[in-house]
N, C-alpha and C. Protein backbone atom coordinates (compact mmCIF):
# COMPACT_ATOMS: atom_id res chain seq x y z
N MET A 1 152.61 -43.83 -14.62
CA MET A 1 152.23 -43.50 -16.04
C MET A 1 153.69 -42.78 -16.42
N ASN A 2 153.92 -42.86 -17.95
CA ASN A 2 155.01 -42.28 -18.35
C ASN A 2 154.72 -41.14 -19.19
N TYR A 3 155.86 -40.55 -19.68
CA TYR A 3 155.42 -39.19 -20.44
C TYR A 3 154.19 -39.18 -21.23
N LEU A 4 154.06 -39.86 -22.06
CA LEU A 4 152.94 -39.76 -22.95
C LEU A 4 151.65 -39.48 -22.11
N ALA A 5 151.35 -40.50 -21.39
CA ALA A 5 150.06 -40.17 -20.42
C ALA A 5 149.99 -39.19 -19.46
N HIS A 6 150.93 -38.62 -19.11
CA HIS A 6 150.88 -37.35 -18.14
C HIS A 6 150.88 -36.28 -18.79
N ILE A 7 151.42 -36.08 -20.31
CA ILE A 7 150.95 -34.97 -21.12
C ILE A 7 149.68 -34.98 -21.44
N PHE A 8 149.22 -36.16 -22.02
CA PHE A 8 147.85 -36.19 -22.43
C PHE A 8 146.71 -35.88 -21.56
N LEU A 9 147.03 -36.29 -20.13
CA LEU A 9 146.15 -36.21 -19.21
C LEU A 9 145.80 -34.61 -18.73
N SER A 10 146.68 -33.85 -18.95
CA SER A 10 147.00 -32.41 -18.80
C SER A 10 146.04 -31.52 -19.30
N GLY A 11 145.24 -32.05 -20.29
CA GLY A 11 144.34 -31.24 -20.96
C GLY A 11 144.81 -30.28 -22.23
N THR A 12 144.34 -29.07 -22.33
CA THR A 12 144.72 -28.12 -23.36
C THR A 12 145.64 -27.17 -22.78
N ASP A 13 146.06 -26.91 -21.65
CA ASP A 13 146.94 -26.00 -21.32
C ASP A 13 148.55 -26.29 -21.41
N SER A 14 148.95 -25.51 -21.90
CA SER A 14 150.60 -25.97 -22.28
C SER A 14 151.54 -25.93 -21.00
N GLN A 15 151.28 -24.83 -20.14
CA GLN A 15 151.87 -24.88 -19.13
C GLN A 15 151.66 -26.10 -18.26
N VAL A 16 150.58 -26.63 -18.02
CA VAL A 16 150.17 -27.63 -17.38
C VAL A 16 150.80 -28.97 -17.80
N LYS A 17 150.69 -28.86 -19.28
CA LYS A 17 151.50 -29.81 -19.90
C LYS A 17 153.06 -30.00 -19.52
N ILE A 18 153.68 -29.06 -19.49
CA ILE A 18 154.90 -28.68 -19.31
C ILE A 18 155.28 -29.34 -17.76
N GLY A 19 154.15 -28.83 -16.99
CA GLY A 19 154.69 -29.06 -15.42
C GLY A 19 154.19 -30.68 -15.40
N ASN A 20 153.51 -30.92 -15.90
CA ASN A 20 153.22 -32.71 -15.66
C ASN A 20 154.27 -33.47 -16.45
N PHE A 21 154.94 -33.07 -17.44
CA PHE A 21 155.98 -33.60 -17.95
C PHE A 21 157.20 -33.79 -17.33
N ILE A 22 157.75 -32.48 -16.51
CA ILE A 22 158.65 -32.41 -15.62
C ILE A 22 158.51 -32.66 -14.13
N GLY A 23 157.28 -33.33 -13.75
CA GLY A 23 156.97 -33.59 -12.39
C GLY A 23 157.80 -34.41 -11.62
N ASP A 24 158.56 -35.27 -12.23
CA ASP A 24 159.58 -36.33 -11.71
C ASP A 24 160.65 -35.68 -11.43
N PHE A 25 161.13 -34.52 -12.02
CA PHE A 25 162.08 -33.70 -11.92
C PHE A 25 162.41 -32.45 -10.89
N VAL A 26 161.13 -32.35 -10.62
CA VAL A 26 160.96 -31.32 -9.54
C VAL A 26 160.90 -31.49 -8.17
N LYS A 27 161.77 -31.41 -7.27
CA LYS A 27 161.74 -31.82 -5.87
C LYS A 27 161.57 -30.79 -4.85
N GLY A 28 160.80 -31.09 -3.91
CA GLY A 28 160.78 -30.15 -2.87
C GLY A 28 160.59 -28.62 -3.05
N ASN A 29 161.22 -27.82 -2.64
CA ASN A 29 161.01 -26.14 -2.85
C ASN A 29 161.17 -25.84 -4.25
N GLN A 30 161.71 -26.81 -5.08
CA GLN A 30 161.87 -26.14 -6.45
C GLN A 30 160.45 -25.97 -7.08
N LEU A 31 159.32 -26.45 -6.49
CA LEU A 31 157.88 -26.30 -6.87
C LEU A 31 157.71 -24.88 -7.06
N ASN A 32 158.27 -24.15 -5.87
CA ASN A 32 157.50 -22.79 -5.67
C ASN A 32 158.49 -21.93 -6.60
N SER A 33 159.53 -22.22 -7.41
CA SER A 33 159.93 -21.43 -8.33
C SER A 33 159.43 -21.58 -9.80
N GLN A 34 158.29 -22.08 -9.82
CA GLN A 34 157.80 -22.29 -11.13
C GLN A 34 156.39 -21.29 -11.23
N PRO A 35 156.10 -20.91 -12.43
CA PRO A 35 154.87 -20.36 -12.62
C PRO A 35 153.50 -21.28 -12.15
N SER A 36 152.47 -20.42 -11.84
CA SER A 36 151.55 -21.10 -11.28
C SER A 36 150.69 -22.37 -12.16
N ARG A 37 150.68 -22.08 -13.35
CA ARG A 37 150.14 -23.32 -13.95
C ARG A 37 151.07 -24.15 -14.12
N ILE A 38 152.64 -24.07 -14.29
CA ILE A 38 153.33 -25.33 -14.50
C ILE A 38 153.25 -25.93 -13.18
N ARG A 39 153.23 -25.24 -11.70
CA ARG A 39 153.02 -25.72 -10.58
C ARG A 39 151.87 -26.70 -10.65
N ALA A 40 150.59 -26.18 -11.08
CA ALA A 40 149.62 -27.04 -11.10
C ALA A 40 149.79 -28.23 -12.05
N GLY A 41 150.59 -28.20 -12.85
CA GLY A 41 150.83 -29.29 -13.86
C GLY A 41 151.71 -30.51 -12.86
N ILE A 42 152.71 -30.15 -12.13
CA ILE A 42 153.60 -30.71 -11.51
C ILE A 42 152.66 -31.41 -10.30
N VAL A 43 151.70 -30.87 -9.77
CA VAL A 43 150.91 -31.43 -8.70
C VAL A 43 149.91 -32.31 -9.22
N LEU A 44 149.52 -32.09 -10.57
CA LEU A 44 148.71 -33.12 -11.37
C LEU A 44 149.60 -34.32 -11.52
N HIS A 45 150.71 -34.37 -12.05
CA HIS A 45 151.73 -35.19 -12.07
C HIS A 45 151.72 -36.10 -10.93
N ARG A 46 151.93 -35.54 -9.50
CA ARG A 46 151.79 -36.04 -8.36
C ARG A 46 150.59 -37.00 -8.14
N LYS A 47 149.56 -36.31 -8.37
CA LYS A 47 148.11 -37.13 -8.07
C LYS A 47 148.22 -38.23 -9.04
N ILE A 48 148.43 -38.06 -10.42
CA ILE A 48 148.25 -39.00 -11.34
C ILE A 48 149.13 -40.49 -10.80
N ASP A 49 150.36 -40.30 -10.13
CA ASP A 49 151.11 -41.42 -9.96
C ASP A 49 150.56 -41.98 -8.82
N SER A 50 150.01 -40.98 -7.78
CA SER A 50 149.37 -41.81 -6.56
C SER A 50 148.30 -42.51 -6.95
N PHE A 51 147.31 -41.97 -7.81
CA PHE A 51 146.04 -42.78 -8.18
C PHE A 51 146.42 -43.96 -8.93
N THR A 52 147.40 -43.67 -9.58
CA THR A 52 148.20 -44.91 -10.75
C THR A 52 148.41 -46.19 -9.74
N ASP A 53 149.35 -45.79 -8.66
CA ASP A 53 150.16 -46.76 -8.02
C ASP A 53 149.05 -47.37 -6.83
N SER A 54 147.92 -46.98 -6.51
CA SER A 54 147.01 -47.36 -5.62
C SER A 54 145.77 -48.14 -6.45
N HIS A 55 145.91 -48.06 -7.94
CA HIS A 55 144.69 -48.48 -8.80
C HIS A 55 144.76 -50.20 -8.42
N PRO A 56 143.72 -50.89 -8.36
CA PRO A 56 143.62 -52.33 -8.19
C PRO A 56 144.37 -53.14 -9.49
N VAL A 57 143.99 -52.46 -10.81
CA VAL A 57 144.30 -53.08 -11.88
C VAL A 57 145.69 -53.05 -12.14
N VAL A 58 146.39 -51.82 -11.68
CA VAL A 58 147.90 -51.70 -11.79
C VAL A 58 148.40 -52.54 -10.65
N ILE A 59 147.97 -52.54 -9.79
CA ILE A 59 148.58 -53.38 -8.46
C ILE A 59 148.45 -54.77 -9.00
N GLU A 60 147.61 -55.21 -9.90
CA GLU A 60 147.40 -56.64 -10.11
C GLU A 60 148.55 -56.86 -11.28
N THR A 61 148.88 -56.04 -12.21
CA THR A 61 149.66 -55.91 -13.24
C THR A 61 151.26 -55.94 -12.74
N ILE A 62 151.43 -55.05 -11.81
CA ILE A 62 152.74 -55.29 -11.15
C ILE A 62 152.95 -56.37 -10.65
N GLY A 63 152.00 -57.21 -9.88
CA GLY A 63 152.23 -58.38 -9.46
C GLY A 63 152.36 -59.51 -10.30
N MET A 64 151.95 -59.58 -11.80
CA MET A 64 152.12 -60.28 -12.89
C MET A 64 153.64 -60.02 -13.26
N LEU A 65 154.09 -58.88 -13.15
CA LEU A 65 155.40 -58.74 -13.65
C LEU A 65 156.72 -58.94 -12.59
N ARG A 66 156.20 -58.89 -11.66
CA ARG A 66 157.29 -58.84 -10.25
C ARG A 66 158.04 -60.28 -10.58
N PRO A 67 157.50 -61.37 -10.93
CA PRO A 67 158.60 -62.36 -10.84
C PRO A 67 159.85 -62.14 -11.96
N VAL A 68 159.43 -61.59 -12.79
CA VAL A 68 160.36 -61.35 -13.92
C VAL A 68 161.20 -59.97 -13.84
N PHE A 69 160.35 -58.96 -13.19
CA PHE A 69 161.30 -57.58 -13.43
C PHE A 69 161.57 -57.00 -11.83
N GLY A 70 160.98 -57.61 -10.92
CA GLY A 70 161.14 -57.57 -9.51
C GLY A 70 161.19 -56.07 -9.11
N ARG A 71 161.66 -55.28 -8.51
CA ARG A 71 161.53 -54.03 -8.11
C ARG A 71 161.30 -53.12 -9.12
N TYR A 72 161.61 -53.34 -10.34
CA TYR A 72 161.38 -52.31 -11.45
C TYR A 72 159.92 -52.65 -12.25
N SER A 73 159.05 -53.58 -11.50
CA SER A 73 157.98 -54.27 -12.41
C SER A 73 157.00 -52.63 -12.50
N GLY A 74 157.09 -52.01 -11.52
CA GLY A 74 156.09 -50.75 -11.74
C GLY A 74 156.78 -49.85 -12.95
N ILE A 75 157.83 -49.66 -12.95
CA ILE A 75 158.47 -49.01 -14.25
C ILE A 75 157.87 -49.56 -15.57
N VAL A 76 158.21 -50.79 -15.39
CA VAL A 76 157.86 -51.30 -16.77
C VAL A 76 156.45 -51.23 -17.25
N VAL A 77 155.66 -51.53 -16.08
CA VAL A 77 154.15 -51.23 -16.45
C VAL A 77 153.80 -49.78 -17.07
N ASP A 78 154.55 -48.67 -16.23
CA ASP A 78 154.23 -47.47 -17.03
C ASP A 78 154.79 -47.34 -18.38
N MET A 79 155.86 -48.28 -18.76
CA MET A 79 156.32 -47.99 -20.24
C MET A 79 155.22 -48.72 -21.05
N TYR A 80 154.80 -49.90 -20.63
CA TYR A 80 153.76 -50.66 -21.45
C TYR A 80 152.46 -49.86 -21.55
N PHE A 81 152.18 -49.20 -20.53
CA PHE A 81 150.71 -48.57 -20.74
C PHE A 81 151.09 -47.29 -21.66
N ASP A 82 152.31 -46.70 -21.47
CA ASP A 82 152.38 -45.52 -22.65
C ASP A 82 152.46 -46.23 -24.12
N TYR A 83 152.88 -47.31 -24.18
CA TYR A 83 152.84 -48.07 -25.24
C TYR A 83 151.26 -48.22 -25.98
N PHE A 84 150.57 -48.89 -25.03
CA PHE A 84 149.06 -49.15 -25.52
C PHE A 84 148.36 -47.77 -25.52
N LEU A 85 148.75 -46.74 -24.77
CA LEU A 85 148.13 -45.43 -25.13
C LEU A 85 148.62 -44.96 -26.40
N ALA A 86 149.60 -45.13 -26.86
CA ALA A 86 150.34 -44.55 -28.22
C ALA A 86 149.51 -45.44 -29.29
N VAL A 87 149.44 -46.53 -29.00
CA VAL A 87 148.76 -47.54 -30.32
C VAL A 87 147.42 -46.95 -30.34
N SER A 88 146.61 -46.61 -29.35
CA SER A 88 145.21 -46.35 -29.44
C SER A 88 145.15 -45.00 -29.02
N PHE A 89 145.85 -43.93 -29.49
CA PHE A 89 145.88 -42.72 -28.94
C PHE A 89 144.54 -42.08 -29.55
N SER A 90 144.48 -42.11 -30.83
CA SER A 90 143.38 -41.46 -31.33
C SER A 90 142.06 -41.63 -30.61
N ASP A 91 141.99 -42.99 -30.39
CA ASP A 91 140.63 -43.40 -29.67
C ASP A 91 140.42 -42.38 -28.69
N TYR A 92 141.47 -42.26 -27.88
CA TYR A 92 141.31 -41.70 -26.38
C TYR A 92 141.26 -40.06 -26.67
N ALA A 93 142.21 -39.55 -27.51
CA ALA A 93 142.32 -38.11 -27.59
C ALA A 93 141.75 -37.32 -28.65
N GLY A 94 141.40 -38.21 -29.96
CA GLY A 94 140.40 -37.43 -30.90
C GLY A 94 141.49 -36.87 -31.82
N VAL A 95 142.81 -37.24 -31.82
CA VAL A 95 143.69 -36.34 -32.58
C VAL A 95 144.73 -37.63 -32.74
N ARG A 96 145.69 -37.33 -34.03
CA ARG A 96 146.45 -38.23 -34.11
C ARG A 96 147.88 -38.18 -33.36
N LEU A 97 148.52 -39.01 -32.95
CA LEU A 97 149.59 -38.88 -31.92
C LEU A 97 150.69 -38.01 -32.62
N ASN A 98 150.90 -38.15 -33.81
CA ASN A 98 151.90 -37.23 -34.33
C ASN A 98 151.72 -35.75 -34.15
N THR A 99 150.51 -35.51 -34.59
CA THR A 99 149.89 -34.06 -34.36
C THR A 99 150.08 -33.60 -32.72
N PHE A 100 149.60 -34.57 -32.07
CA PHE A 100 149.59 -34.22 -30.74
C PHE A 100 151.11 -33.95 -30.12
N ALA A 101 152.25 -34.77 -30.52
CA ALA A 101 153.46 -34.84 -30.31
C ALA A 101 154.14 -33.40 -30.90
N PHE A 102 153.85 -33.11 -32.01
CA PHE A 102 154.50 -32.12 -32.58
C PHE A 102 154.01 -30.89 -31.73
N ARG A 103 152.92 -30.62 -31.48
CA ARG A 103 152.23 -29.55 -30.62
C ARG A 103 152.84 -29.40 -29.27
N PHE A 104 153.27 -30.58 -28.86
CA PHE A 104 153.99 -30.46 -27.39
C PHE A 104 155.26 -30.27 -27.61
N TYR A 105 155.98 -30.65 -28.78
CA TYR A 105 157.40 -30.44 -28.86
C TYR A 105 157.66 -28.74 -29.00
N VAL A 106 156.60 -28.06 -29.58
CA VAL A 106 156.52 -26.72 -29.62
C VAL A 106 156.62 -26.26 -28.40
N ASP A 107 155.59 -26.66 -27.63
CA ASP A 107 155.45 -26.14 -26.09
C ASP A 107 157.00 -26.09 -25.17
N LEU A 108 157.56 -27.49 -25.46
CA LEU A 108 158.68 -27.52 -24.96
C LEU A 108 159.73 -26.65 -25.20
N LEU A 109 159.79 -26.06 -26.21
CA LEU A 109 160.69 -24.93 -26.79
C LEU A 109 160.30 -23.75 -26.51
N PHE A 110 158.86 -23.43 -26.41
CA PHE A 110 158.48 -21.97 -25.99
C PHE A 110 158.81 -22.07 -24.41
N TYR A 111 158.60 -23.09 -23.56
CA TYR A 111 158.77 -22.96 -22.19
C TYR A 111 160.09 -23.43 -21.55
N TYR A 112 161.07 -23.55 -22.62
CA TYR A 112 162.25 -24.10 -22.43
C TYR A 112 162.92 -23.60 -21.30
N LYS A 113 163.03 -22.28 -20.97
CA LYS A 113 163.72 -21.58 -19.64
C LYS A 113 163.16 -22.18 -18.25
N TYR A 114 161.91 -22.94 -18.34
CA TYR A 114 161.35 -23.49 -17.10
C TYR A 114 161.73 -24.97 -16.76
N LEU A 115 162.27 -25.45 -17.81
CA LEU A 115 162.82 -26.89 -17.64
C LEU A 115 163.80 -27.15 -16.52
N PRO A 116 163.82 -28.12 -15.69
CA PRO A 116 164.92 -28.43 -15.12
C PRO A 116 166.17 -28.81 -15.90
N ILE A 117 167.21 -28.66 -15.21
CA ILE A 117 168.60 -28.94 -16.06
C ILE A 117 168.66 -30.29 -16.49
N LYS A 118 168.24 -31.06 -15.61
CA LYS A 118 168.24 -32.49 -16.04
C LYS A 118 167.29 -32.77 -17.49
N VAL A 119 166.23 -32.07 -17.43
CA VAL A 119 165.31 -32.04 -18.45
C VAL A 119 165.98 -31.60 -19.82
N LYS A 120 166.60 -30.34 -19.53
CA LYS A 120 167.28 -29.80 -20.48
C LYS A 120 168.36 -30.67 -21.20
N ARG A 121 168.88 -31.49 -20.47
CA ARG A 121 170.00 -32.29 -21.30
C ARG A 121 169.42 -33.16 -22.07
N PHE A 122 168.22 -33.80 -21.72
CA PHE A 122 167.59 -34.84 -23.02
C PHE A 122 166.46 -34.25 -23.85
N VAL A 123 165.84 -32.77 -23.75
CA VAL A 123 165.12 -32.62 -24.40
C VAL A 123 165.23 -32.51 -25.72
N PHE A 124 166.30 -31.94 -26.44
CA PHE A 124 166.36 -31.87 -27.79
C PHE A 124 166.37 -33.15 -28.46
N HIS A 125 167.12 -34.10 -27.84
CA HIS A 125 167.12 -35.60 -28.32
C HIS A 125 165.65 -36.22 -28.17
N PHE A 126 164.85 -35.98 -27.19
CA PHE A 126 163.48 -36.33 -26.94
C PHE A 126 162.71 -35.74 -28.25
N ILE A 127 162.82 -34.42 -28.58
CA ILE A 127 162.08 -34.13 -29.91
C ILE A 127 162.67 -34.42 -30.89
N THR A 128 164.03 -34.55 -31.24
CA THR A 128 164.40 -34.72 -32.67
C THR A 128 164.18 -36.30 -32.96
N THR A 129 164.01 -37.42 -31.91
CA THR A 129 163.76 -38.67 -32.16
C THR A 129 162.38 -39.02 -32.46
N ASN A 130 161.43 -38.07 -32.07
CA ASN A 130 159.94 -37.93 -31.83
C ASN A 130 159.45 -39.04 -30.76
N ARG A 131 160.16 -38.94 -29.53
CA ARG A 131 159.88 -40.11 -28.58
C ARG A 131 158.64 -40.35 -28.41
N LEU A 132 157.76 -39.41 -28.39
CA LEU A 132 156.30 -39.63 -27.97
C LEU A 132 155.53 -40.50 -29.08
N LYS A 133 155.78 -40.38 -30.10
CA LYS A 133 155.38 -41.15 -31.35
C LYS A 133 155.86 -42.56 -31.31
N ARG A 134 157.34 -42.40 -30.96
CA ARG A 134 158.17 -43.92 -30.91
C ARG A 134 157.55 -44.99 -30.15
N TYR A 135 156.46 -44.19 -29.17
CA TYR A 135 156.10 -45.41 -28.15
C TYR A 135 155.01 -46.11 -28.65
N SER A 136 154.77 -45.80 -30.24
CA SER A 136 153.51 -46.73 -30.66
C SER A 136 154.20 -47.86 -31.38
N THR A 137 155.72 -48.05 -31.45
CA THR A 137 155.89 -49.16 -31.99
C THR A 137 156.76 -49.94 -31.03
N LEU A 138 156.81 -51.41 -31.30
CA LEU A 138 157.76 -51.99 -30.25
C LEU A 138 159.30 -51.45 -30.23
N GLU A 139 159.68 -51.22 -31.67
CA GLU A 139 160.90 -50.84 -31.65
C GLU A 139 161.28 -49.40 -30.96
N GLY A 140 160.25 -48.58 -31.28
CA GLY A 140 160.34 -47.27 -30.20
C GLY A 140 160.42 -47.59 -28.99
N LEU A 141 159.54 -48.37 -28.41
CA LEU A 141 159.58 -48.83 -26.95
C LEU A 141 160.78 -49.25 -26.50
N LYS A 142 161.42 -50.06 -27.37
CA LYS A 142 162.55 -50.63 -27.18
C LYS A 142 163.89 -49.89 -27.11
N SER A 143 163.80 -48.84 -27.90
CA SER A 143 164.78 -47.76 -27.86
C SER A 143 164.51 -47.05 -26.52
N SER A 144 163.48 -46.56 -26.24
CA SER A 144 163.21 -45.85 -24.88
C SER A 144 163.77 -46.70 -23.62
N LEU A 145 163.59 -48.01 -23.85
CA LEU A 145 164.14 -48.98 -22.72
C LEU A 145 165.58 -48.62 -22.81
N GLN A 146 166.05 -48.97 -23.84
CA GLN A 146 167.61 -48.94 -23.96
C GLN A 146 168.07 -47.64 -23.38
N ILE A 147 167.46 -46.54 -23.82
CA ILE A 147 167.84 -45.25 -23.15
C ILE A 147 167.94 -45.39 -21.56
N MET A 148 166.85 -45.67 -21.42
CA MET A 148 166.59 -45.98 -19.80
C MET A 148 167.63 -46.78 -19.21
N SER A 149 167.91 -48.02 -19.86
CA SER A 149 169.09 -49.05 -19.19
C SER A 149 170.22 -48.11 -19.30
N ASN A 150 170.49 -47.58 -20.48
CA ASN A 150 172.01 -46.77 -20.38
C ASN A 150 172.30 -45.63 -19.42
N HIS A 151 171.21 -44.84 -18.97
CA HIS A 151 171.04 -43.60 -18.21
C HIS A 151 170.41 -43.67 -16.86
N LYS A 152 169.71 -44.39 -16.71
CA LYS A 152 169.18 -44.41 -15.39
C LYS A 152 169.02 -45.53 -14.76
N ILE A 153 168.58 -46.68 -15.16
CA ILE A 153 168.37 -48.06 -14.51
C ILE A 153 168.82 -49.29 -15.32
N PRO A 154 170.39 -49.51 -15.43
CA PRO A 154 170.86 -50.56 -15.96
C PRO A 154 170.28 -51.95 -15.68
N ALA A 155 169.72 -52.04 -14.58
CA ALA A 155 168.83 -53.59 -14.39
C ALA A 155 167.69 -53.78 -15.31
N ILE A 156 167.21 -52.71 -16.19
CA ILE A 156 166.12 -53.20 -17.25
C ILE A 156 166.82 -53.60 -18.27
N ASP A 157 166.44 -54.88 -18.79
CA ASP A 157 166.92 -55.39 -20.01
C ASP A 157 165.88 -55.18 -21.22
N PRO A 158 166.02 -54.34 -21.99
CA PRO A 158 165.12 -53.90 -22.94
C PRO A 158 164.65 -55.33 -24.13
N ASP A 159 165.63 -56.26 -24.29
CA ASP A 159 165.13 -57.39 -24.87
C ASP A 159 164.15 -58.00 -24.15
N LYS A 160 164.54 -58.60 -22.91
CA LYS A 160 163.56 -59.11 -22.02
C LYS A 160 162.32 -58.64 -21.79
N THR A 161 162.20 -57.22 -21.70
CA THR A 161 161.11 -56.35 -21.35
C THR A 161 160.17 -56.63 -22.82
N ILE A 162 160.88 -56.44 -23.84
CA ILE A 162 159.99 -56.61 -25.12
C ILE A 162 159.34 -58.05 -25.30
N ASP A 163 160.08 -58.99 -25.12
CA ASP A 163 159.89 -60.46 -24.98
C ASP A 163 158.52 -60.69 -24.32
N PHE A 164 158.66 -60.16 -23.22
CA PHE A 164 157.42 -60.41 -21.96
C PHE A 164 156.41 -59.43 -22.52
N LEU A 165 156.27 -58.25 -23.36
CA LEU A 165 155.38 -57.81 -23.76
C LEU A 165 154.77 -58.65 -25.02
N ILE A 166 155.34 -59.06 -25.84
CA ILE A 166 154.89 -59.67 -26.84
C ILE A 166 154.25 -61.03 -26.39
N LEU A 167 154.84 -61.63 -25.30
CA LEU A 167 154.10 -62.91 -24.79
C LEU A 167 153.04 -62.76 -24.28
N ASN A 168 152.75 -61.58 -23.66
CA ASN A 168 151.39 -61.35 -22.88
C ASN A 168 150.88 -60.30 -23.26
N HIS A 169 150.90 -59.70 -24.66
CA HIS A 169 150.38 -58.67 -25.07
C HIS A 169 148.93 -58.41 -24.77
N ASP A 170 148.32 -59.47 -25.38
CA ASP A 170 146.65 -59.21 -24.94
C ASP A 170 146.28 -58.91 -23.60
N GLU A 171 146.59 -59.76 -22.76
CA GLU A 171 146.47 -59.65 -21.29
C GLU A 171 146.80 -58.32 -20.83
N LEU A 172 148.08 -57.45 -21.02
CA LEU A 172 148.24 -56.36 -20.66
C LEU A 172 147.49 -55.33 -21.18
N GLU A 173 147.24 -55.39 -22.69
CA GLU A 173 146.59 -54.59 -23.57
C GLU A 173 145.33 -54.52 -22.68
N GLU A 174 144.49 -55.54 -22.42
CA GLU A 174 143.41 -55.51 -21.82
C GLU A 174 143.21 -54.77 -20.45
N LYS A 175 144.31 -55.13 -19.41
CA LYS A 175 144.56 -54.24 -18.40
C LYS A 175 144.69 -52.68 -18.36
N PHE A 176 145.22 -52.49 -19.44
CA PHE A 176 145.59 -51.01 -19.61
C PHE A 176 144.16 -50.51 -19.93
N HIS A 177 143.47 -51.19 -20.79
CA HIS A 177 142.17 -50.43 -21.39
C HIS A 177 140.87 -50.44 -19.89
N GLN A 178 141.27 -51.55 -19.30
CA GLN A 178 140.64 -51.42 -17.79
C GLN A 178 140.75 -50.40 -17.08
N PHE A 179 142.24 -50.09 -16.86
CA PHE A 179 142.54 -48.89 -15.92
C PHE A 179 142.69 -47.55 -16.75
N PHE A 180 142.75 -47.19 -17.86
CA PHE A 180 142.97 -45.94 -18.23
C PHE A 180 141.87 -45.03 -18.08
N PRO A 181 140.59 -45.74 -18.53
CA PRO A 181 139.34 -44.95 -18.43
C PRO A 181 139.12 -44.23 -17.00
N ASP A 182 139.39 -45.07 -16.01
CA ASP A 182 139.27 -44.95 -14.62
C ASP A 182 140.42 -43.53 -14.06
N LEU A 183 141.60 -43.73 -14.89
CA LEU A 183 142.41 -42.39 -14.52
C LEU A 183 141.91 -41.29 -15.08
N ILE A 184 141.38 -41.37 -16.53
CA ILE A 184 140.85 -40.21 -17.21
C ILE A 184 139.90 -39.66 -16.13
N GLN A 185 139.10 -40.43 -15.90
CA GLN A 185 137.78 -40.00 -14.93
C GLN A 185 138.25 -39.40 -13.73
N PHE A 186 139.26 -39.84 -12.75
CA PHE A 186 139.83 -39.32 -11.99
C PHE A 186 140.45 -37.84 -12.05
N VAL A 187 141.02 -37.89 -13.31
CA VAL A 187 141.78 -36.46 -13.52
C VAL A 187 140.58 -35.34 -13.88
N LYS A 188 139.63 -35.93 -14.40
CA LYS A 188 138.47 -34.81 -14.61
C LYS A 188 137.66 -34.66 -13.42
N SER A 189 137.51 -35.34 -12.61
CA SER A 189 137.06 -35.23 -11.28
C SER A 189 137.87 -34.27 -10.26
N GLU A 190 139.08 -34.27 -10.39
CA GLU A 190 140.07 -33.53 -9.72
C GLU A 190 140.37 -32.08 -10.26
N PHE A 191 140.49 -32.19 -11.56
CA PHE A 191 140.92 -30.88 -12.24
C PHE A 191 140.22 -30.04 -13.13
N ILE A 192 138.90 -30.42 -13.41
CA ILE A 192 138.07 -29.81 -14.43
C ILE A 192 136.74 -29.21 -13.62
């Protein structure tokens, strides 16, 4: 899963949300330097990733994408699933995505000192472009893919990724809605 799903699955604890958001940027012993609730969010992030990577629907979806996206299929699935979560966010969260995003941006600023250096480098752009809300449109998703292509994974072609999503939209959306309730239930059973 990508940023939006990780944050949403953190519940209402701001520090857990921050930890879940930065989970990919905290390696090894760096975990121990974080406050306990942020550590809990980082651990939750890792458990969500593990559950997601082993879920049959996700494995099937990655297989569907592999002929086109190769070893980056999992990353593309994560982006697609954040898009589908953003589109149907109020159905899952009971709150508008814009409201949820704004509250999280406030949390990011409040807990800024705990963010890893790599996150601090992009967090203000993340906030000012309302990245979480932008996941809910194809243009916003393409913009996120472009950032990823420019700074992290040049092999990802944003145009091809969006074209594939449009061509397979209904099937991919169905797979997301098959998978996401299972992930919600897993998080509830693990952490509530």
